[in-house]
Amino acid sequence: MPKVSIVIPTYNVENYLCECMESVVNQTLRDIEIICINDGSTDGSLKILREYADRDERVILIDKKNEGYGVGMNTGMDIATGEYIGIVEPDDFVPLTMYEDLYNIAKENELDFVKADFYRFTRDARTGELNLVYNRLDSSGENYNQVICPFEKPYVTKFIMNTWSGIYRRKFIEEHRIRHNTTSGAAFQDNGFFWQTFMYAKRCMFLDRPYYMNRRDNPNSSVKNKEKVYCMNIEYDFIRDIFMRQGNEELWNRFKYYYNYKRYFSYLFTLGRISKEFKRGYVDRISKEFKRAQLQDELDFKVFTPNTRKKISLLIQKPIAYYWKYVVFAESPAGKMFRKIKNSL
């Protein structure tokens, strides 16, 4: 049994894939398996993966038709045999000691999962120099380096959403049948995986040191896709359905307010991403969703800051006013200048 299975879901990333693969095959933890899922790439990605599979017996290559991120990730997890499972996006890369360090901590503390801080980066096309931004999972800094049960501290679901900055015990994943959403053509299907790991874990840990290197200059990344408007909404419907299927009212009641906290900021991210022609309709859609959450006692304003409470109240009561104030004006030159001046005070 390998200590860690690393799943790399791959689609048309030939410009970045070698850097990613070099960082994985050269890990100081040698006892790993590297599961590369080629999801119907039409560029040179498959050729690159074949070269690595030919050179390194730890690389397992699955070549399949294009079915999307969720199907690819589930395929990789289905064949993984490691004690723990890690995820690397093929346009990112990882430090050489990442999986050895995370595995040792996970084993020592018998963790369902362990996650660490990370960097977001862009690379100067002319000099190759990296521009790094440190991202802390826990902005308060109070929950690091200790064993935590998310059910006892559900606020930890407010931490930065990602699934690739840590590793997950495979038997934990299999016991709870944790898998990604497979809706055709959707995106952001890591959100559902994130929520399942938090709702089921009994022992997890967050580390206050950075490992994973998350790229932010790939123009084909899903975070830059302006056309997929409602995929985040579909994903949060998927998450809610998982809670409802459990028949465990206690589990839903414990997490429902933080679910809606996370949902609001995920929708804000979507508002900033999609094309202008979709924004007005999107505000109307999320207004109805949060109005329904309020009526069903699934929204607790106390988990938000006072400023965010005002915004959500306006969104629910007057979506048109919200649209003009927080979308049209906020994205205008005057709105951007106002924020710049406010932040400098």
Protein backbone atom coordinates (compact mmCIF):
# COMPACT_ATOMS: atom_id res chain seq x y z
CA MET A 1 0.00 0.00 0.00
CA PRO A 2 1.49 3.39 -0.98
CA LYS A 3 1.50 6.00 1.74
CA VAL A 4 -0.15 8.62 -0.48
CA SER A 5 -2.07 8.43 -3.74
CA ILE A 6 -1.88 11.72 -5.65
CA VAL A 7 -4.67 12.33 -8.18
CA ILE A 8 -3.97 14.76 -11.03
CA PRO A 9 -7.07 15.51 -13.18
CA THR A 10 -5.76 16.78 -16.51
CA TYR A 11 -7.35 18.65 -19.39
CA ASN A 12 -5.42 20.79 -21.92
CA VAL A 13 -2.61 22.09 -19.70
CA GLU A 14 0.47 21.29 -21.77
CA ASN A 15 2.10 24.64 -20.94
CA TYR A 16 2.16 23.89 -17.20
CA LEU A 17 2.06 20.13 -16.91
CA CYS A 18 5.79 19.37 -16.83
CA GLU A 19 6.35 21.74 -13.92
CA CYS A 20 3.49 20.06 -12.07
CA MET A 21 4.69 16.53 -12.77
CA GLU A 22 8.31 17.28 -11.85
CA SER A 23 7.17 18.57 -8.47
CA VAL A 24 5.21 15.37 -7.81
CA VAL A 25 7.57 12.66 -9.09
CA ASN A 26 10.45 14.22 -7.13
CA GLN A 27 8.68 14.25 -3.76
CA THR A 28 10.90 13.29 -0.82
CA LEU A 29 8.17 10.81 0.09
CA ARG A 30 8.99 8.11 -2.47
CA ASP A 31 6.27 5.65 -1.47
CA ILE A 32 3.50 7.27 -3.50
CA GLU A 33 1.34 6.47 -6.49
CA ILE A 34 0.58 9.20 -9.01
CA ILE A 35 -2.78 8.78 -10.74
CA CYS A 36 -3.05 10.98 -13.84
CA ILE A 37 -6.52 11.24 -15.38
CA ASN A 38 -6.38 12.58 -18.94
CA ASP A 39 -9.91 13.87 -19.47
CA GLY A 40 -9.94 13.94 -23.26
CA SER A 41 -7.23 16.57 -23.74
CA THR A 42 -6.87 17.87 -27.30
CA ASP A 43 -3.41 19.43 -26.83
CA GLY A 44 -0.11 17.75 -25.94
CA SER A 45 -1.06 16.86 -22.36
CA LEU A 46 -1.55 13.15 -23.04
CA LYS A 47 1.87 12.86 -24.71
CA ILE A 48 3.52 14.45 -21.67
CA LEU A 49 1.74 12.12 -19.27
CA ARG A 50 2.71 9.08 -21.32
CA GLU A 51 6.35 10.09 -21.15
CA TYR A 52 6.19 10.29 -17.36
CA ALA A 53 4.33 6.97 -17.12
CA ASP A 54 7.00 5.31 -19.26
CA ARG A 55 9.81 6.62 -17.04
CA ASP A 56 8.25 6.11 -13.59
CA GLU A 57 6.35 2.99 -12.60
CA ARG A 58 4.55 4.94 -9.87
CA VAL A 59 2.67 6.96 -12.51
CA ILE A 60 -0.68 5.42 -13.42
CA LEU A 61 -2.21 6.93 -16.57
CA ILE A 62 -5.93 6.78 -17.28
CA ASP A 63 -6.89 8.12 -20.71
CA LYS A 64 -10.62 8.74 -21.04
CA LYS A 65 -13.13 10.82 -22.94
CA ASN A 66 -13.92 14.30 -21.69
CA GLU A 67 -16.53 14.07 -18.93
CA GLY A 68 -15.54 16.89 -16.60
CA TYR A 69 -13.67 17.46 -13.36
CA GLY A 70 -16.00 15.54 -11.05
CA VAL A 71 -15.96 12.33 -13.10
CA GLY A 72 -12.18 12.53 -13.48
CA MET A 73 -11.60 12.99 -9.76
CA ASN A 74 -13.97 10.16 -8.85
CA THR A 75 -12.21 7.89 -11.34
CA GLY A 76 -8.87 8.63 -9.70
CA MET A 77 -10.18 8.09 -6.19
CA ASP A 78 -11.86 4.83 -7.18
CA ILE A 79 -8.54 3.27 -8.17
CA ALA A 80 -6.39 4.88 -5.45
CA THR A 81 -4.76 2.41 -3.05
CA GLY A 82 -2.78 4.73 -0.77
CA GLU A 83 -3.36 5.26 2.93
CA TYR A 84 -4.06 8.90 2.13
CA ILE A 85 -5.19 10.72 -1.01
CA GLY A 86 -3.86 14.06 -2.25
CA ILE A 87 -4.99 16.24 -5.15
CA VAL A 88 -2.83 18.34 -7.45
CA GLU A 89 -4.31 20.53 -10.18
CA PRO A 90 -2.17 20.12 -13.33
CA ASP A 91 -1.38 23.84 -13.70
CA ASP A 92 -0.17 24.06 -10.08
CA PHE A 93 2.86 22.55 -8.38
CA VAL A 94 3.95 21.49 -4.89
CA PRO A 95 7.11 21.78 -2.77
CA LEU A 96 9.19 18.60 -2.70
CA THR A 97 8.60 17.89 1.01
CA MET A 98 4.86 18.54 1.04
CA TYR A 99 3.53 14.99 1.07
CA GLU A 100 6.17 13.62 3.43
CA ASP A 101 5.39 16.36 5.95
CA LEU A 102 1.62 16.04 5.66
CA TYR A 103 1.70 12.23 5.82
CA ASN A 104 3.84 12.17 8.96
CA ILE A 105 1.53 14.63 10.72
CA ALA A 106 -1.59 12.76 9.61
CA LYS A 107 -0.24 9.42 10.82
CA GLU A 108 1.07 10.77 14.11
CA ASN A 109 -2.31 12.31 14.95
CA GLU A 110 -4.56 9.68 13.31
CA LEU A 111 -6.25 12.35 11.19
CA ASP A 112 -9.11 12.02 8.72
CA PHE A 113 -7.52 14.91 6.89
CA VAL A 114 -4.84 17.55 7.29
CA LYS A 115 -4.63 20.82 5.34
CA ALA A 116 -2.02 23.55 5.24
CA ASP A 117 -1.74 27.18 4.23
CA PHE A 118 -0.74 27.82 0.62
CA TYR A 119 0.47 30.36 -1.92
CA ARG A 120 -1.36 31.77 -4.90
CA PHE A 121 1.07 32.81 -7.61
CA THR A 122 1.54 34.37 -11.01
CA ARG A 123 4.70 34.13 -13.06
CA ASP A 124 6.31 37.01 -14.94
CA ALA A 125 6.32 35.91 -18.58
CA ARG A 126 9.53 37.82 -19.29
CA THR A 127 11.69 36.99 -16.27
CA GLY A 128 10.01 33.83 -14.96
CA GLU A 129 9.89 35.39 -11.51
CA LEU A 130 7.09 34.28 -9.21
CA ASN A 131 4.73 36.73 -7.54
CA LEU A 132 3.55 34.99 -4.37
CA VAL A 133 0.56 35.77 -2.17
CA TYR A 134 0.37 33.90 1.14
CA ASN A 135 -3.12 32.54 1.91
CA ARG A 136 -3.98 31.62 5.48
CA LEU A 137 -6.75 29.05 5.88
CA ASP A 138 -7.71 30.52 9.27
CA SER A 139 -7.63 34.31 9.33
CA SER A 140 -7.89 34.32 13.13
CA GLY A 141 -4.86 32.07 13.57
CA GLU A 142 -6.51 30.40 16.58
CA ASN A 143 -7.20 26.95 15.13
CA TYR A 144 -3.85 25.85 13.79
CA ASN A 145 -1.80 22.79 14.77
CA GLN A 146 -4.45 21.10 16.91
CA VAL A 147 -6.81 18.19 16.37
CA ILE A 148 -10.30 19.50 15.59
CA CYS A 149 -13.70 17.89 15.13
CA PRO A 150 -15.64 20.12 12.69
CA PHE A 151 -18.99 19.09 14.21
CA GLU A 152 -17.83 20.60 17.50
CA LYS A 153 -16.42 23.69 15.77
CA PRO A 154 -18.55 24.15 12.62
CA TYR A 155 -17.13 27.64 12.07
CA VAL A 156 -14.00 26.01 10.61
CA THR A 157 -16.00 25.59 7.40
CA LYS A 158 -15.51 29.36 6.99
CA PHE A 159 -11.84 28.71 6.20
CA ILE A 160 -10.64 29.27 2.62
CA MET A 161 -12.27 26.69 0.35
CA ASN A 162 -9.90 24.33 -1.41
CA THR A 163 -9.39 20.57 -1.57
CA TRP A 164 -5.80 20.39 -2.86
CA SER A 165 -3.82 21.85 0.06
CA GLY A 166 -4.06 18.68 2.14
CA ILE A 167 -4.43 14.90 2.19
CA TYR A 168 -7.39 12.69 3.16
CA ARG A 169 -7.43 9.25 4.73
CA ARG A 170 -8.68 6.91 2.01
CA LYS A 171 -10.69 4.67 4.32
CA PHE A 172 -12.43 7.77 5.69
CA ILE A 173 -13.30 8.80 2.12
CA GLU A 174 -14.60 5.33 1.29
CA GLU A 175 -16.49 4.83 4.55
CA HIS A 176 -18.60 7.92 3.90
CA ARG A 177 -18.71 7.49 0.11
CA ILE A 178 -17.31 10.96 -0.39
CA ARG A 179 -17.20 11.79 -4.09
CA HIS A 180 -17.40 14.77 -6.40
CA ASN A 181 -20.53 15.97 -8.16
CA THR A 182 -20.67 14.73 -11.76
CA THR A 183 -23.11 17.17 -13.34
CA SER A 184 -22.22 17.43 -17.02
CA GLY A 185 -20.63 20.73 -18.01
CA ALA A 186 -20.51 22.03 -14.44
CA ALA A 187 -17.53 23.50 -12.62
CA PHE A 188 -16.39 24.18 -9.05
CA GLN A 189 -17.20 20.57 -8.16
CA ASP A 190 -14.53 20.67 -5.46
CA ASN A 191 -16.98 22.59 -3.24
CA GLY A 192 -19.10 19.50 -2.63
CA PHE A 193 -16.03 17.42 -1.80
CA PHE A 194 -14.89 20.12 0.65
CA TRP A 195 -18.22 20.09 2.47
CA GLN A 196 -18.44 16.31 2.71
CA THR A 197 -14.99 16.04 4.28
CA PHE A 198 -15.90 18.65 6.90
CA MET A 199 -19.34 17.24 7.74
CA TYR A 200 -17.99 13.72 8.34
CA ALA A 201 -14.48 14.22 9.78
CA LYS A 202 -13.89 13.52 13.45
CA ARG A 203 -10.19 14.40 13.52
CA CYS A 204 -8.62 17.02 11.28
CA MET A 205 -5.82 19.55 11.53
CA PHE A 206 -4.83 22.84 9.88
CA LEU A 207 -1.17 23.82 9.59
CA ASP A 208 0.07 27.41 9.70
CA ARG A 209 2.80 26.92 7.12
CA PRO A 210 2.42 27.09 3.35
CA TYR A 211 3.01 24.28 0.89
CA TYR A 212 0.77 24.15 -2.18
CA MET A 213 1.42 26.56 -5.08
CA ASN A 214 -1.87 27.60 -6.72
CA ARG A 215 -1.57 29.26 -10.14
CA ARG A 216 -3.59 32.37 -10.95
CA ASP A 217 -2.34 33.23 -14.46
CA ASN A 218 -3.82 30.37 -16.50
CA PRO A 219 -6.33 32.06 -18.85
CA ASN A 220 -8.22 28.78 -19.30
CA SER A 221 -8.81 28.23 -15.59
CA SER A 222 -12.44 27.77 -14.52
CA VAL A 223 -12.11 30.75 -12.18
CA LYS A 224 -11.85 32.94 -15.29
CA ASN A 225 -14.77 31.40 -17.17
CA LYS A 226 -17.38 34.13 -17.69
CA GLU A 227 -20.04 31.96 -19.30
CA LYS A 228 -20.78 29.26 -16.70
CA VAL A 229 -23.26 31.26 -14.68
CA TYR A 230 -25.19 28.92 -12.39
CA CYS A 231 -22.68 26.10 -11.82
CA MET A 232 -21.96 27.31 -8.26
CA ASN A 233 -25.69 27.29 -7.50
CA ILE A 234 -25.95 23.74 -8.85
CA GLU A 235 -23.05 22.72 -6.65
CA TYR A 236 -24.64 24.16 -3.50
CA ASP A 237 -27.90 22.39 -4.32
CA PHE A 238 -25.83 19.20 -4.54
CA ILE A 239 -24.30 19.90 -1.11
CA ARG A 240 -27.67 20.56 0.49
CA ASP A 241 -29.06 17.35 -1.02
CA ILE A 242 -26.25 15.40 0.66
CA PHE A 243 -27.22 16.85 4.03
CA MET A 244 -30.88 16.05 3.40
CA ARG A 245 -30.15 12.47 2.28
CA GLN A 246 -28.45 11.65 5.54
CA GLY A 247 -31.72 11.77 7.42
CA ASN A 248 -29.65 13.36 10.15
CA GLU A 249 -31.36 16.53 11.26
CA GLU A 250 -28.69 17.15 13.89
CA LEU A 251 -25.97 17.23 11.23
CA TRP A 252 -27.84 19.76 9.06
CA ASN A 253 -28.80 21.94 12.03
CA ARG A 254 -25.18 22.03 13.12
CA PHE A 255 -23.83 23.22 9.76
CA LYS A 256 -26.73 24.98 8.01
CA TYR A 257 -25.82 28.53 9.05
CA TYR A 258 -22.22 28.07 7.92
CA TYR A 259 -23.43 26.42 4.72
CA ASN A 260 -25.27 29.64 3.91
CA TYR A 261 -22.28 31.73 4.99
CA LYS A 262 -20.10 29.85 2.52
CA ARG A 263 -22.80 29.92 -0.12
CA TYR A 264 -23.11 33.71 0.00
CA PHE A 265 -19.40 34.32 -0.54
CA SER A 266 -19.27 31.66 -3.25
CA TYR A 267 -22.06 33.50 -5.03
CA LEU A 268 -20.21 36.80 -4.63
CA PHE A 269 -17.22 35.17 -6.29
CA THR A 270 -19.51 34.11 -9.14
CA LEU A 271 -20.89 37.66 -9.48
CA GLY A 272 -17.37 38.94 -9.93
CA ARG A 273 -16.55 36.26 -12.50
CA ILE A 274 -19.49 36.14 -14.91
CA SER A 275 -20.13 38.45 -17.86
CA LYS A 276 -22.04 41.69 -17.32
CA GLU A 277 -25.13 40.54 -19.23
CA PHE A 278 -25.74 37.79 -16.68
CA LYS A 279 -25.27 39.78 -13.47
CA ARG A 280 -28.76 41.26 -13.09
CA GLY A 281 -30.46 37.88 -13.52
CA TYR A 282 -27.95 36.29 -11.18
CA VAL A 283 -28.74 38.78 -8.40
CA ASP A 284 -32.45 37.99 -8.78
CA ARG A 285 -31.69 34.27 -8.53
CA ILE A 286 -29.57 34.46 -5.39
CA SER A 287 -32.03 36.89 -3.79
CA LYS A 288 -34.73 34.24 -4.06
CA GLU A 289 -32.41 31.56 -2.70
CA PHE A 290 -31.51 33.55 0.41
CA LYS A 291 -35.08 34.68 0.95
CA ARG A 292 -36.07 31.02 0.99
CA ALA A 293 -33.22 30.20 3.39
CA GLN A 294 -34.41 32.92 5.75
CA LEU A 295 -38.00 31.67 5.67
CA GLN A 296 -36.80 28.12 6.45
CA ASP A 297 -34.68 29.27 9.41
CA GLU A 298 -31.44 28.33 7.65
CA LEU A 299 -29.88 31.79 7.79
CA ASP A 300 -28.25 33.22 10.91
CA PHE A 301 -27.06 36.80 10.50
CA LYS A 302 -24.84 36.47 13.58
CA VAL A 303 -22.26 34.41 11.65
CA PHE A 304 -21.68 37.39 9.32
CA THR A 305 -19.98 40.70 9.99
CA PRO A 306 -22.31 43.70 10.51
CA ASN A 307 -21.44 45.05 7.06
CA THR A 308 -22.24 41.77 5.36
CA ARG A 309 -25.52 41.51 7.28
CA LYS A 310 -26.61 44.81 5.73
CA LYS A 311 -25.72 43.56 2.26
CA ILE A 312 -27.62 40.29 2.63
CA SER A 313 -30.66 42.08 4.04
CA LEU A 314 -30.67 44.39 1.03
CA LEU A 315 -30.19 41.41 -1.31
CA ILE A 316 -33.23 39.68 0.17
CA GLN A 317 -35.51 42.70 0.46
CA LYS A 318 -34.47 44.84 -2.53
CA PRO A 319 -32.45 42.87 -5.09
CA ILE A 320 -32.60 45.70 -7.65
CA ALA A 321 -31.09 48.14 -5.15
CA TYR A 322 -28.44 45.55 -4.27
CA TYR A 323 -27.61 45.15 -7.96
CA TRP A 324 -27.12 48.89 -8.53
CA LYS A 325 -25.17 49.50 -5.33
CA TYR A 326 -22.95 46.44 -5.06
CA VAL A 327 -22.59 45.41 -8.70
CA VAL A 328 -23.04 48.36 -11.06
CA PHE A 329 -21.58 51.08 -8.84
CA ALA A 330 -18.98 48.82 -7.21
CA GLU A 331 -17.60 47.83 -10.62
CA SER A 332 -17.65 51.37 -12.03
CA PRO A 333 -14.53 53.59 -12.04
CA ALA A 334 -16.12 55.74 -9.32
CA GLY A 335 -16.86 52.71 -7.18
CA LYS A 336 -13.33 51.37 -7.55
CA MET A 337 -11.88 54.76 -6.64
CA PHE A 338 -14.19 54.95 -3.61
CA ARG A 339 -12.97 51.57 -2.35
CA LYS A 340 -9.36 52.57 -2.92
CA ILE A 341 -9.77 55.74 -0.89
CA LYS A 342 -11.71 53.92 1.84
CA ASN A 343 -9.06 51.20 2.13
CA SER A 344 -6.30 53.78 2.44
CA LEU A 345 -7.90 55.54 5.40
